């Protein structure tokens, strides 16, 4: 997947619940990608869909990744709907 573009914050989420983890990528084996950015399209979804997709301001991508020591992300799986 690579490195996130400028002006995009990426944080690990719990794949089961979508809640942000209290630790950074460097301390976990894998996590769901959560995104915060003025470029996200979260407001395009219906209010019900947005409630399911956004937790504490983090948009759930439903993509589970690992991160290496260089900050590169590698897709592992997708969270089922």
Protein backbone atom coordinates (compact mmCIF):
# COMPACT_ATOMS: atom_id res chain seq x y z
CA UNK A 1 0.00 0.00 0.00
CA UNK A 2 2.93 2.32 0.68
CA UNK A 3 3.25 5.54 2.69
CA UNK A 4 0.23 7.83 3.33
CA UNK A 5 0.15 11.10 1.40
CA UNK A 6 0.70 14.48 3.03
CA UNK A 7 -2.16 15.80 5.20
CA UNK A 8 -3.44 12.30 6.03
CA UNK A 9 -3.27 10.91 9.56
CA UNK A 10 -3.31 7.11 9.83
CA UNK A 11 -3.96 5.31 13.12
CA UNK A 12 -4.51 1.65 13.99
CA UNK A 13 -8.06 0.61 14.81
CA UNK A 14 -9.29 -2.58 16.44
CA UNK A 15 -10.51 -4.66 13.45
CA UNK A 16 -13.34 -6.18 15.52
CA UNK A 17 -14.85 -2.92 16.78
CA UNK A 18 -13.32 -0.10 14.72
CA UNK A 19 -12.29 1.73 17.90
CA UNK A 20 -8.91 3.50 17.87
CA UNK A 21 -6.16 1.60 19.68
CA UNK A 22 -4.31 3.38 22.46
CA UNK A 23 -0.92 2.45 20.96
CA UNK A 24 0.86 3.43 17.75
CA UNK A 25 1.59 1.22 14.73
CA UNK A 26 5.15 0.53 15.91
CA UNK A 27 3.87 -1.45 18.91
CA UNK A 28 1.32 -3.75 17.24
CA UNK A 29 1.50 -6.66 14.81
CA UNK A 30 -1.48 -5.54 12.66
CA UNK A 31 -4.52 -3.27 12.76
CA UNK A 32 -7.32 -1.81 10.68
CA UNK A 33 -6.36 1.44 8.99
CA UNK A 34 -8.12 4.49 10.43
CA UNK A 35 -7.86 7.73 8.45
CA UNK A 36 -8.33 11.39 9.38
CA UNK A 37 -7.98 13.92 6.62
CA UNK A 38 -9.84 16.86 5.10
CA UNK A 39 -9.87 14.72 1.93
CA UNK A 40 -11.96 11.83 3.31
CA UNK A 41 -15.44 11.39 1.88
CA UNK A 42 -17.13 10.39 5.14
CA UNK A 43 -19.84 13.03 4.73
CA UNK A 44 -21.01 11.44 1.48
CA UNK A 45 -22.51 8.49 3.33
CA UNK A 46 -25.95 8.50 4.92
CA UNK A 47 -25.97 9.42 8.65
CA UNK A 48 -26.48 5.74 9.55
CA UNK A 49 -23.58 4.63 7.37
CA UNK A 50 -21.36 7.42 8.72
CA UNK A 51 -22.12 6.28 12.29
CA UNK A 52 -20.89 2.78 11.38
CA UNK A 53 -17.83 3.99 9.45
CA UNK A 54 -16.52 6.83 11.68
CA UNK A 55 -15.35 6.21 15.28
CA UNK A 56 -13.91 9.09 17.32
CA UNK A 57 -13.28 10.98 14.08
CA UNK A 58 -11.39 8.08 12.44
CA UNK A 59 -12.80 6.77 9.16
CA UNK A 60 -12.76 2.96 9.05
CA UNK A 61 -11.19 1.72 5.83
CA UNK A 62 -11.93 -1.95 6.63
CA UNK A 63 -8.36 -2.73 5.47
CA UNK A 64 -6.09 -4.64 7.87
CA UNK A 65 -2.38 -3.90 7.46
CA UNK A 66 1.03 -4.27 9.04
CA UNK A 67 3.64 -1.54 9.07
CA UNK A 68 7.39 -2.07 8.68
CA UNK A 69 10.20 -0.07 10.31
CA UNK A 70 10.29 2.33 7.32
CA UNK A 71 6.63 3.29 7.73
CA UNK A 72 5.43 1.29 4.72
CA UNK A 73 2.02 -0.37 5.04
CA UNK A 74 1.30 -3.88 3.73
CA UNK A 75 -2.28 -5.07 3.22
CA UNK A 76 -3.06 -8.31 5.05
CA UNK A 77 -6.84 -8.70 4.77
CA UNK A 78 -10.19 -6.94 4.72
CA UNK A 79 -12.60 -6.64 7.65
CA UNK A 80 -15.90 -8.34 6.73
CA UNK A 81 -19.01 -6.16 6.61
